[in-house]
Structures are given as structure tokens and as C-alpha cells.
Amino acid sequence: MLDAEQGSLSYFMSRPVEVRWAGLLSALAEELSAQMPAAEIRAFFAVLGRRWARTMPLPAGGGLKEMEQSMNASLSACGWGWVRVRDLGNAVEFQHSCAPLRTAFGAAAMEWAPGLIEGLYEEWLREQGAGRGLTLKQVGTAEGAVDTLRLRLAAGDYFS
């Protein structure tokens, strides 16, 4: 295991869901899954993520590096991991690690819980001036021991 992965794993495991919330969040995940299809839950979580982003707006301006630093400051303040932002030329990739989604909602929720992160980033990017012609989507599934999520911002035809 690389030092960065070991550090990520240590960070991730040192931040369990508080015991007073664990049972409630588990029950919420089970009930949502019983009542709604995964795509609907994901869409609902994206709405929650957008609302959450409005409670911690990023400072305006700057480039990708400054935006990454601002995002990481906000994520660190609430214990939601961190992001690495990469310019891929025809897309911008956001690699978010250590979000406590699996810990809070369980392994089965990883189909829909990342909608929360997607909504968070969508709103932050909208606030930073991302145009309506751009789309943010998760690519692949959560990766590795720290559930790294990869989201890409690109023109809509990029995902076709």
C-alpha cells in the first residue's frame, strides 16, 4: 500500500459516524432503499448536496488549484475527506476520497449515496461560473479502500 493510501485509510477509519447518528442513518438508508429506486434516491441526494454546498460557498475566482484548495478547506472543516482536481484537457476530473458515505449508509448505498457529492460539486461549480452546457457525472464506481469517487465536468457529448 502506498504511503498516500495508508494515510487516506488512517484518515478514513479515524472518522467513524458518531454513535448517536449511526443507527438513524442506517435506518434511513434501509427505508429509502425499500421505498424508492436507486436512481430516485441518487437524484434526491444530489438535491441535498446542492443545498449543502450553499451552506459553505467557495470564494469566487482563481484557477483550478485555488478552487481545489477552497474545496479542501470546506471538506476538511466538516470531516468529509478531500478532493484532487485534474485538468484532463477535454474534461476536469474531481477525485474525491474519504467521504463517509459507506460508513454512514452502508455498502449497498454506494449505488446512490455518491449523489450527495455530485450535488455538492455541481453547486460549487455553478457558483464558480460553470456554464449550463457542461455536465458533471460520476465515472465508474467508488475505488479502493477509501472509496475514491471520480467525477468529471465536461461538455454533454463527452459522456455519449
C-alpha atoms as a PDB file:
ATOM      1  CA  MET A   1       0.000   0.000   0.000  1.00  0.00           C
ATOM      2  CA  LEU A   2       1.360   3.437  -0.940  1.00  0.00           C
ATOM      3  CA  ASP A   3       2.017   5.964   1.813  1.00  0.00           C
ATOM      4  CA  ALA A   4      -0.783   8.170   0.436  1.00  0.00           C
ATOM      5  CA  GLU A   5      -3.207   5.252   0.522  1.00  0.00           C
ATOM      6  CA  GLN A   6      -2.153   4.351   4.055  1.00  0.00           C
ATOM      7  CA  GLY A   7      -2.621   7.974   5.121  1.00  0.00           C
ATOM      8  CA  SER A   8      -6.029   8.046   3.453  1.00  0.00           C
ATOM      9  CA  LEU A   9      -7.060   4.824   5.141  1.00  0.00           C
ATOM     10  CA  SER A  10      -5.948   6.124   8.534  1.00  0.00           C
ATOM     11  CA  TYR A  11      -7.880   9.356   7.971  1.00  0.00           C
ATOM     12  CA  PHE A  12     -10.961   7.497   6.807  1.00  0.00           C
ATOM     13  CA  MET A  13     -11.012   4.987   9.640  1.00  0.00           C
ATOM     14  CA  SER A  14     -10.380   7.636  12.314  1.00  0.00           C
ATOM     15  CA  ARG A  15     -13.633   9.369  11.455  1.00  0.00           C
ATOM     16  CA  PRO A  16     -16.446   6.925  12.114  1.00  0.00           C
ATOM     17  CA  VAL A  17     -20.037   8.070  12.138  1.00  0.00           C
ATOM     18  CA  GLU A  18     -20.921   9.266  15.599  1.00  0.00           C
ATOM     19  CA  VAL A  19     -22.690   6.550  17.533  1.00  0.00           C
ATOM     20  CA  ARG A  20     -25.724   8.766  18.086  1.00  0.00           C
ATOM     21  CA  TRP A  21     -26.234   9.024  14.306  1.00  0.00           C
ATOM     22  CA  ALA A  22     -25.172   5.543  13.128  1.00  0.00           C
ATOM     23  CA  GLY A  23     -28.463   3.734  13.776  1.00  0.00           C
ATOM     24  CA  LEU A  24     -30.566   6.559  12.381  1.00  0.00           C
ATOM     25  CA  LEU A  25     -28.519   6.830   9.175  1.00  0.00           C
ATOM     26  CA  SER A  26     -28.617   3.074   8.710  1.00  0.00           C
ATOM     27  CA  ALA A  27     -32.392   3.053   9.164  1.00  0.00           C
ATOM     28  CA  LEU A  28     -32.703   5.981   6.741  1.00  0.00           C
ATOM     29  CA  ALA A  29     -30.686   4.139   4.096  1.00  0.00           C
ATOM     30  CA  GLU A  30     -32.732   0.962   4.509  1.00  0.00           C
ATOM     31  CA  GLU A  31     -36.043   2.813   4.332  1.00  0.00           C
ATOM     32  CA  LEU A  32     -35.038   4.881   1.315  1.00  0.00           C
ATOM     33  CA  SER A  33     -33.921   1.719  -0.468  1.00  0.00           C
ATOM     34  CA  ALA A  34     -37.201  -0.003   0.370  1.00  0.00           C
ATOM     35  CA  GLN A  35     -39.334   2.930  -0.789  1.00  0.00           C
ATOM     36  CA  MET A  36     -37.556   4.296  -3.870  1.00  0.00           C
ATOM     37  CA  PRO A  37     -35.480   3.092  -6.816  1.00  0.00           C
ATOM     38  CA  ALA A  38     -31.744   3.826  -6.547  1.00  0.00           C
ATOM     39  CA  ALA A  39     -31.874   6.443  -9.332  1.00  0.00           C
ATOM     40  CA  GLU A  40     -34.513   8.435  -7.434  1.00  0.00           C
ATOM     41  CA  ILE A  41     -32.557   8.261  -4.183  1.00  0.00           C
ATOM     42  CA  ARG A  42     -29.424   9.408  -6.015  1.00  0.00           C
ATOM     43  CA  ALA A  43     -31.340  12.360  -7.517  1.00  0.00           C
ATOM     44  CA  PHE A  44     -32.675  13.257  -4.060  1.00  0.00           C
ATOM     45  CA  PHE A  45     -29.174  13.076  -2.585  1.00  0.00           C
ATOM     46  CA  ALA A  46     -27.904  15.349  -5.386  1.00  0.00           C
ATOM     47  CA  VAL A  47     -30.527  17.913  -4.341  1.00  0.00           C
ATOM     48  CA  LEU A  48     -29.316  17.580  -0.743  1.00  0.00           C
ATOM     49  CA  GLY A  49     -25.719  18.037  -1.913  1.00  0.00           C
ATOM     50  CA  ARG A  50     -26.591  21.237  -3.780  1.00  0.00           C
ATOM     51  CA  ARG A  51     -28.372  22.610  -0.714  1.00  0.00           C
ATOM     52  CA  TRP A  52     -25.385  21.612   1.459  1.00  0.00           C
ATOM     53  CA  ALA A  53     -22.986  23.454  -0.896  1.00  0.00           C
ATOM     54  CA  ARG A  54     -24.966  26.665  -0.397  1.00  0.00           C
ATOM     55  CA  THR A  55     -24.167  26.488   3.341  1.00  0.00           C
ATOM     56  CA  MET A  56     -20.432  26.608   2.581  1.00  0.00           C
ATOM     57  CA  PRO A  57     -19.878  28.664  -0.575  1.00  0.00           C
ATOM     58  CA  LEU A  58     -16.428  28.839  -2.126  1.00  0.00           C
ATOM     59  CA  PRO A  59     -14.630  32.138  -2.670  1.00  0.00           C
ATOM     60  CA  ALA A  60     -15.016  33.427  -6.215  1.00  0.00           C
ATOM     61  CA  GLY A  61     -12.275  33.431  -8.798  1.00  0.00           C
ATOM     62  CA  GLY A  62      -8.930  31.793  -9.225  1.00  0.00           C
ATOM     63  CA  GLY A  63      -7.898  28.753 -11.185  1.00  0.00           C
ATOM     64  CA  LEU A  64      -8.290  25.051 -10.618  1.00  0.00           C
ATOM     65  CA  LYS A  65      -5.569  24.922  -7.958  1.00  0.00           C
ATOM     66  CA  GLU A  66      -7.231  27.682  -5.926  1.00  0.00           C
ATOM     67  CA  MET A  67     -10.614  26.018  -6.328  1.00  0.00           C
ATOM     68  CA  GLU A  68      -9.145  22.705  -5.128  1.00  0.00           C
ATOM     69  CA  GLN A  69      -7.687  24.437  -2.077  1.00  0.00           C
ATOM     70  CA  SER A  70     -11.021  26.093  -1.279  1.00  0.00           C
ATOM     71  CA  MET A  71     -12.917  22.834  -1.718  1.00  0.00           C
ATOM     72  CA  ASN A  72     -10.447  21.029   0.532  1.00  0.00           C
ATOM     73  CA  ALA A  73     -10.721  23.691   3.214  1.00  0.00           C
ATOM     74  CA  SER A  74     -14.515  23.288   3.245  1.00  0.00           C
ATOM     75  CA  LEU A  75     -14.372  19.490   3.152  1.00  0.00           C
ATOM     76  CA  SER A  76     -11.772  19.359   5.921  1.00  0.00           C
ATOM     77  CA  ALA A  77     -13.806  21.659   8.151  1.00  0.00           C
ATOM     78  CA  CYS A  78     -16.711  19.203   8.134  1.00  0.00           C
ATOM     79  CA  GLY A  79     -14.686  15.951   8.032  1.00  0.00           C
ATOM     80  CA  TRP A  80     -15.741  14.907   4.525  1.00  0.00           C
ATOM     81  CA  GLY A  81     -12.388  13.885   3.073  1.00  0.00           C
ATOM     82  CA  TRP A  82     -10.643  15.758   0.286  1.00  0.00           C
ATOM     83  CA  VAL A  83     -10.509  16.276  -3.433  1.00  0.00           C
ATOM     84  CA  ARG A  84      -7.823  16.341  -6.076  1.00  0.00           C
ATOM     85  CA  VAL A  85      -8.711  18.352  -9.199  1.00  0.00           C
ATOM     86  CA  ARG A  86      -7.120  17.463 -12.541  1.00  0.00           C
ATOM     87  CA  ASP A  87      -7.388  19.107 -15.936  1.00  0.00           C
ATOM     88  CA  LEU A  88      -7.775  16.305 -18.492  1.00  0.00           C
ATOM     89  CA  GLY A  89      -7.871  18.639 -21.486  1.00  0.00           C
ATOM     90  CA  ASN A  90     -11.426  17.894 -22.599  1.00  0.00           C
ATOM     91  CA  ALA A  91     -12.748  17.479 -19.035  1.00  0.00           C
ATOM     92  CA  VAL A  92     -11.934  18.397 -15.464  1.00  0.00           C
ATOM     93  CA  GLU A  93     -11.769  15.462 -13.072  1.00  0.00           C
ATOM     94  CA  PHE A  94     -12.543  15.647  -9.367  1.00  0.00           C
ATOM     95  CA  GLN A  95     -11.177  12.709  -7.365  1.00  0.00           C
ATOM     96  CA  HIS A  96     -12.920  12.783  -4.009  1.00  0.00           C
ATOM     97  CA  SER A  97     -11.560  10.457  -1.318  1.00  0.00           C
ATOM     98  CA  CYS A  98     -12.716   9.571   2.180  1.00  0.00           C
ATOM     99  CA  ALA A  99     -16.326  10.733   2.058  1.00  0.00           C
ATOM    100  CA  PRO A 100     -18.020   8.827   4.905  1.00  0.00           C
ATOM    101  CA  LEU A 101     -20.817   7.533   2.677  1.00  0.00           C
ATOM    102  CA  ARG A 102     -20.212   3.791   3.153  1.00  0.00           C
ATOM    103  CA  THR A 103     -19.728   4.261   6.896  1.00  0.00           C
ATOM    104  CA  ALA A 104     -22.927   6.302   7.225  1.00  0.00           C
ATOM    105  CA  PHE A 105     -25.268   4.468   4.861  1.00  0.00           C
ATOM    106  CA  GLY A 106     -23.743   1.024   4.258  1.00  0.00           C
ATOM    107  CA  ALA A 107     -22.181  -0.722   1.284  1.00  0.00           C
ATOM    108  CA  ALA A 108     -25.475  -1.152  -0.575  1.00  0.00           C
ATOM    109  CA  ALA A 109     -25.948   2.627  -0.577  1.00  0.00           C
ATOM    110  CA  MET A 110     -22.824   3.209  -2.674  1.00  0.00           C
ATOM    111  CA  GLU A 111     -25.055   2.987  -5.744  1.00  0.00           C
ATOM    112  CA  TRP A 112     -26.911   6.164  -4.753  1.00  0.00           C
ATOM    113  CA  ALA A 113     -25.107   7.905  -1.868  1.00  0.00           C
ATOM    114  CA  PRO A 114     -22.421   9.495  -4.119  1.00  0.00           C
ATOM    115  CA  GLY A 115     -25.227  11.675  -5.484  1.00  0.00           C
ATOM    116  CA  LEU A 116     -24.592  13.804  -2.391  1.00  0.00           C
ATOM    117  CA  ILE A 117     -21.017  14.543  -3.526  1.00  0.00           C
ATOM    118  CA  GLU A 118     -22.160  15.053  -7.104  1.00  0.00           C
ATOM    119  CA  GLY A 119     -24.728  17.644  -5.997  1.00  0.00           C
ATOM    120  CA  LEU A 120     -22.184  19.361  -3.754  1.00  0.00           C
ATOM    121  CA  TYR A 121     -19.725  19.762  -6.614  1.00  0.00           C
ATOM    122  CA  GLU A 122     -22.452  20.730  -9.125  1.00  0.00           C
ATOM    123  CA  GLU A 123     -23.464  23.661  -6.940  1.00  0.00           C
ATOM    124  CA  TRP A 124     -19.906  24.723  -6.189  1.00  0.00           C
ATOM    125  CA  LEU A 125     -19.098  24.653  -9.902  1.00  0.00           C
ATOM    126  CA  ARG A 126     -22.256  26.579 -10.789  1.00  0.00           C
ATOM    127  CA  GLU A 127     -21.269  29.219  -8.215  1.00  0.00           C
ATOM    128  CA  GLN A 128     -17.819  29.390  -9.835  1.00  0.00           C
ATOM    129  CA  GLY A 129     -19.390  30.099 -13.233  1.00  0.00           C
ATOM    130  CA  ALA A 130     -19.509  26.681 -14.922  1.00  0.00           C
ATOM    131  CA  GLY A 131     -21.723  27.054 -17.977  1.00  0.00           C
ATOM    132  CA  ARG A 132     -25.038  25.312 -18.482  1.00  0.00           C
ATOM    133  CA  GLY A 133     -23.569  23.377 -21.406  1.00  0.00           C
ATOM    134  CA  LEU A 134     -21.303  21.499 -19.008  1.00  0.00           C
ATOM    135  CA  THR A 135     -22.286  18.318 -17.185  1.00  0.00           C
ATOM    136  CA  LEU A 136     -20.840  16.783 -14.030  1.00  0.00           C
ATOM    137  CA  LYS A 137     -21.067  12.986 -13.777  1.00  0.00           C
ATOM    138  CA  GLN A 138     -19.531  10.258 -11.708  1.00  0.00           C
ATOM    139  CA  VAL A 139     -17.431   7.898 -13.806  1.00  0.00           C
ATOM    140  CA  GLY A 140     -17.000   4.357 -12.590  1.00  0.00           C
ATOM    141  CA  THR A 141     -17.697   3.253  -9.056  1.00  0.00           C
ATOM    142  CA  ALA A 142     -16.030   4.040  -5.738  1.00  0.00           C
ATOM    143  CA  GLU A 143     -12.428   2.835  -5.886  1.00  0.00           C
ATOM    144  CA  GLY A 144     -10.028   1.477  -3.316  1.00  0.00           C
ATOM    145  CA  ALA A 145     -10.076   1.283   0.442  1.00  0.00           C
ATOM    146  CA  VAL A 146     -11.031   4.966   0.753  1.00  0.00           C
ATOM    147  CA  ASP A 147     -13.897   4.931  -1.767  1.00  0.00           C
ATOM    148  CA  THR A 148     -12.376   7.424  -4.177  1.00  0.00           C
ATOM    149  CA  LEU A 149     -15.110   8.860  -6.374  1.00  0.00           C
ATOM    150  CA  ARG A 150     -14.198  10.207  -9.802  1.00  0.00           C
ATOM    151  CA  LEU A 151     -16.474  12.898 -11.188  1.00  0.00           C
ATOM    152  CA  ARG A 152     -15.894  14.663 -14.485  1.00  0.00           C
ATOM    153  CA  LEU A 153     -17.067  18.043 -15.701  1.00  0.00           C
ATOM    154  CA  ALA A 154     -17.295  18.217 -19.475  1.00  0.00           C
ATOM    155  CA  ALA A 155     -19.479  19.143 -22.409  1.00  0.00           C
ATOM    156  CA  GLY A 156     -22.524  16.866 -22.578  1.00  0.00           C
ATOM    157  CA  ASP A 157     -21.301  14.950 -25.666  1.00  0.00           C
ATOM    158  CA  TYR A 158     -18.187  13.857 -23.718  1.00  0.00           C
ATOM    159  CA  PHE A 159     -20.329  11.252 -21.937  1.00  0.00           C
ATOM    160  CA  SER A 160     -22.033   9.877 -25.089  1.00  0.00           C
END
